[in-house]
């Protein structure tokens, strides 16, 4: 049982890490891309490129929010 707890802690730290906002932003972006792929007639190549751009954008927004100075 201890091995499962250690494995669970490892995956939690791997996925969530120090900032859960980044993990949430990336997962939400991937879910939106998957829904777009499954629910519309948009070509898969367009969804892949747009999904990758949204993941990078979401990561950048979270990073900017986390690193801006408190006085701004």
N, C-alpha and C. Protein backbone atom coordinates (compact mmCIF):
# COMPACT_ATOMS: atom_id res chain seq x y z
N UNK A 1 0.82 -1.19 0.00
CA UNK A 1 0.00 0.00 0.00
C UNK A 1 0.87 1.27 0.00
N UNK A 2 2.01 1.18 0.69
CA UNK A 2 2.91 2.33 0.74
C UNK A 2 3.43 2.68 -0.66
N UNK A 3 3.67 1.65 -1.47
CA UNK A 3 4.18 1.89 -2.82
C UNK A 3 3.16 2.68 -3.65
N UNK A 4 1.86 2.38 -3.48
CA UNK A 4 0.84 3.13 -4.20
C UNK A 4 0.80 4.59 -3.77
N UNK A 5 0.98 4.83 -2.47
CA UNK A 5 0.98 6.21 -1.98
C UNK A 5 2.18 6.98 -2.53
N UNK A 6 3.33 6.33 -2.55
CA UNK A 6 4.54 6.96 -3.09
C UNK A 6 4.35 7.25 -4.58
N UNK A 7 3.78 6.30 -5.30
CA UNK A 7 3.54 6.49 -6.74
C UNK A 7 2.54 7.62 -6.97
N UNK A 8 1.48 7.66 -6.17
CA UNK A 8 0.50 8.74 -6.28
C UNK A 8 1.11 10.10 -5.98
N UNK A 9 1.95 10.17 -4.94
CA UNK A 9 2.63 11.43 -4.63
C UNK A 9 3.56 11.86 -5.77
N UNK A 10 4.24 10.90 -6.37
CA UNK A 10 5.12 11.21 -7.49
C UNK A 10 4.36 11.81 -8.66
N UNK A 11 3.24 11.16 -9.04
CA UNK A 11 2.47 11.66 -10.17
C UNK A 11 1.80 13.00 -9.86
N UNK A 12 1.38 13.20 -8.62
CA UNK A 12 0.82 14.49 -8.23
C UNK A 12 1.86 15.59 -8.40
N UNK A 13 3.07 15.35 -7.88
CA UNK A 13 4.14 16.34 -8.02
C UNK A 13 4.55 16.53 -9.47
N UNK A 14 4.51 15.47 -10.26
CA UNK A 14 4.89 15.56 -11.67
C UNK A 14 3.89 16.39 -12.45
N UNK A 15 2.60 16.16 -12.23
CA UNK A 15 1.58 16.84 -13.01
C UNK A 15 1.26 18.21 -12.44
N UNK A 16 1.03 18.31 -11.16
CA UNK A 16 0.66 19.58 -10.54
C UNK A 16 1.89 20.44 -10.30
N UNK A 17 2.93 19.85 -9.74
CA UNK A 17 4.16 20.58 -9.49
C UNK A 17 3.99 21.67 -8.46
N UNK A 18 4.67 22.77 -8.66
CA UNK A 18 4.62 23.87 -7.71
C UNK A 18 3.44 24.80 -7.96
N UNK A 19 2.90 24.80 -9.15
CA UNK A 19 1.84 25.75 -9.48
C UNK A 19 0.65 25.03 -10.13
N UNK A 20 -0.40 24.81 -9.39
CA UNK A 20 -1.55 24.10 -9.96
C UNK A 20 -2.27 24.90 -11.04
N UNK A 21 -2.09 26.22 -11.07
CA UNK A 21 -2.75 27.04 -12.11
C UNK A 21 -2.26 26.66 -13.50
N UNK A 22 -0.98 26.35 -13.63
CA UNK A 22 -0.44 25.95 -14.92
C UNK A 22 -1.05 24.63 -15.35
N UNK A 23 -1.13 23.68 -14.44
CA UNK A 23 -1.72 22.38 -14.77
C UNK A 23 -3.17 22.53 -15.19
N UNK A 24 -3.93 23.36 -14.46
CA UNK A 24 -5.34 23.56 -14.80
C UNK A 24 -5.47 24.23 -16.17
N UNK A 25 -4.66 25.23 -16.45
CA UNK A 25 -4.72 25.93 -17.73
C UNK A 25 -4.42 24.99 -18.89
N UNK A 26 -3.43 24.15 -18.74
CA UNK A 26 -3.07 23.22 -19.81
C UNK A 26 -4.16 22.16 -19.99
N UNK A 27 -4.67 21.62 -18.89
CA UNK A 27 -5.71 20.59 -19.00
C UNK A 27 -6.98 21.16 -19.62
N UNK A 28 -7.38 22.35 -19.20
CA UNK A 28 -8.58 22.98 -19.78
C UNK A 28 -8.37 23.24 -21.27
N UNK A 29 -7.20 23.69 -21.65
CA UNK A 29 -6.91 23.92 -23.07
C UNK A 29 -7.00 22.62 -23.87
N UNK A 30 -6.47 21.55 -23.33
CA UNK A 30 -6.53 20.26 -24.02
C UNK A 30 -7.96 19.73 -24.11
N UNK A 31 -8.76 19.95 -23.07
CA UNK A 31 -10.16 19.53 -23.11
C UNK A 31 -10.92 20.31 -24.17
N UNK A 32 -10.68 21.62 -24.25
CA UNK A 32 -11.35 22.44 -25.26
C UNK A 32 -10.96 21.96 -26.66
N UNK A 33 -9.70 21.64 -26.88
CA UNK A 33 -9.26 21.14 -28.18
C UNK A 33 -9.91 19.78 -28.49
N UNK A 34 -10.02 18.92 -27.50
CA UNK A 34 -10.64 17.61 -27.73
C UNK A 34 -12.12 17.75 -28.06
N UNK A 35 -12.81 18.64 -27.35
CA UNK A 35 -14.23 18.87 -27.63
C UNK A 35 -14.40 19.45 -29.03
N UNK A 36 -13.54 20.39 -29.38
CA UNK A 36 -13.58 20.97 -30.72
C UNK A 36 -13.36 19.91 -31.79
N UNK A 37 -12.45 19.01 -31.54
CA UNK A 37 -12.15 17.94 -32.49
C UNK A 37 -13.32 16.98 -32.64
N UNK A 38 -13.96 16.64 -31.53
CA UNK A 38 -15.03 15.64 -31.57
C UNK A 38 -16.39 16.21 -31.96
N UNK A 39 -16.63 17.48 -31.67
CA UNK A 39 -17.98 18.03 -31.84
C UNK A 39 -18.16 18.85 -33.12
N UNK A 40 -17.10 19.11 -33.83
CA UNK A 40 -17.21 19.94 -35.02
C UNK A 40 -16.61 19.23 -36.22
N UNK A 41 -16.79 19.86 -37.37
CA UNK A 41 -16.24 19.30 -38.61
C UNK A 41 -14.91 19.96 -38.98
N UNK A 42 -14.29 20.60 -38.02
CA UNK A 42 -12.99 21.25 -38.27
C UNK A 42 -11.95 20.15 -38.49
N UNK A 43 -11.10 20.32 -39.50
CA UNK A 43 -10.08 19.30 -39.76
C UNK A 43 -9.14 19.11 -38.55
N UNK A 44 -8.70 17.88 -38.37
CA UNK A 44 -7.86 17.55 -37.21
C UNK A 44 -6.56 18.36 -37.21
N UNK A 45 -5.99 18.61 -38.36
CA UNK A 45 -4.73 19.36 -38.40
C UNK A 45 -4.92 20.79 -37.88
N UNK A 46 -6.07 21.38 -38.16
CA UNK A 46 -6.35 22.74 -37.66
C UNK A 46 -6.52 22.71 -36.15
N UNK A 47 -7.22 21.69 -35.65
CA UNK A 47 -7.44 21.58 -34.21
C UNK A 47 -6.12 21.36 -33.48
N UNK A 48 -5.24 20.56 -34.05
CA UNK A 48 -3.94 20.31 -33.41
C UNK A 48 -3.13 21.59 -33.31
N UNK A 49 -3.05 22.34 -34.39
CA UNK A 49 -2.28 23.59 -34.38
C UNK A 49 -2.92 24.61 -33.44
N UNK A 50 -4.25 24.76 -33.53
CA UNK A 50 -4.93 25.71 -32.65
C UNK A 50 -4.84 25.28 -31.19
N UNK A 51 -4.96 23.99 -30.93
CA UNK A 51 -4.84 23.50 -29.56
C UNK A 51 -3.46 23.74 -28.98
N UNK A 52 -2.43 23.52 -29.77
CA UNK A 52 -1.07 23.79 -29.31
C UNK A 52 -0.87 25.28 -29.03
N UNK A 53 -1.43 26.12 -29.89
CA UNK A 53 -1.31 27.57 -29.68
C UNK A 53 -2.04 27.99 -28.41
N UNK A 54 -3.20 27.40 -28.14
CA UNK A 54 -3.95 27.74 -26.93
C UNK A 54 -3.22 27.27 -25.69
N UNK A 55 -2.60 26.10 -25.73
CA UNK A 55 -1.82 25.62 -24.59
C UNK A 55 -0.65 26.56 -24.30
N UNK A 56 0.06 26.97 -25.33
CA UNK A 56 1.18 27.90 -25.14
C UNK A 56 0.68 29.24 -24.62
N UNK A 57 -0.43 29.73 -25.16
CA UNK A 57 -1.00 31.00 -24.70
C UNK A 57 -1.43 30.91 -23.24
N UNK A 58 -2.12 29.83 -22.87
CA UNK A 58 -2.58 29.68 -21.49
C UNK A 58 -1.39 29.60 -20.53
N UNK A 59 -0.37 28.85 -20.91
CA UNK A 59 0.83 28.75 -20.08
C UNK A 59 1.48 30.11 -19.91
N UNK A 60 1.56 30.89 -21.00
CA UNK A 60 2.17 32.22 -20.95
C UNK A 60 1.37 33.16 -20.06
N UNK A 61 0.05 33.12 -20.16
CA UNK A 61 -0.79 33.99 -19.33
C UNK A 61 -0.60 33.67 -17.86
N UNK A 62 -0.60 32.39 -17.51
CA UNK A 62 -0.41 32.00 -16.11
C UNK A 62 0.97 32.41 -15.64
N UNK A 63 1.97 32.26 -16.47
CA UNK A 63 3.33 32.64 -16.10
C UNK A 63 3.44 34.14 -15.88
N UNK A 64 2.82 34.94 -16.74
CA UNK A 64 2.84 36.40 -16.58
C UNK A 64 2.11 36.80 -15.30
N UNK A 65 0.98 36.19 -15.03
CA UNK A 65 0.23 36.51 -13.82
C UNK A 65 1.07 36.17 -12.58
N UNK A 66 1.76 35.06 -12.61
CA UNK A 66 2.56 34.65 -11.45
C UNK A 66 3.81 35.49 -11.24
N UNK A 67 4.38 36.05 -12.31
CA UNK A 67 5.64 36.76 -12.18
C UNK A 67 5.53 38.27 -12.15
N UNK A 68 4.34 38.82 -12.37
CA UNK A 68 4.26 40.28 -12.34
C UNK A 68 4.40 40.78 -10.92
N UNK A 69 4.89 42.02 -10.81
CA UNK A 69 5.11 42.57 -9.47
C UNK A 69 3.79 42.98 -8.84
N UNK A 70 3.74 42.91 -7.50
CA UNK A 70 2.48 43.19 -6.80
C UNK A 70 2.00 44.64 -6.95
N UNK A 71 2.90 45.57 -7.26
CA UNK A 71 2.53 46.98 -7.37
C UNK A 71 1.85 47.34 -8.68
N UNK A 72 1.79 46.45 -9.61
CA UNK A 72 1.22 46.77 -10.93
C UNK A 72 -0.21 46.43 -11.02
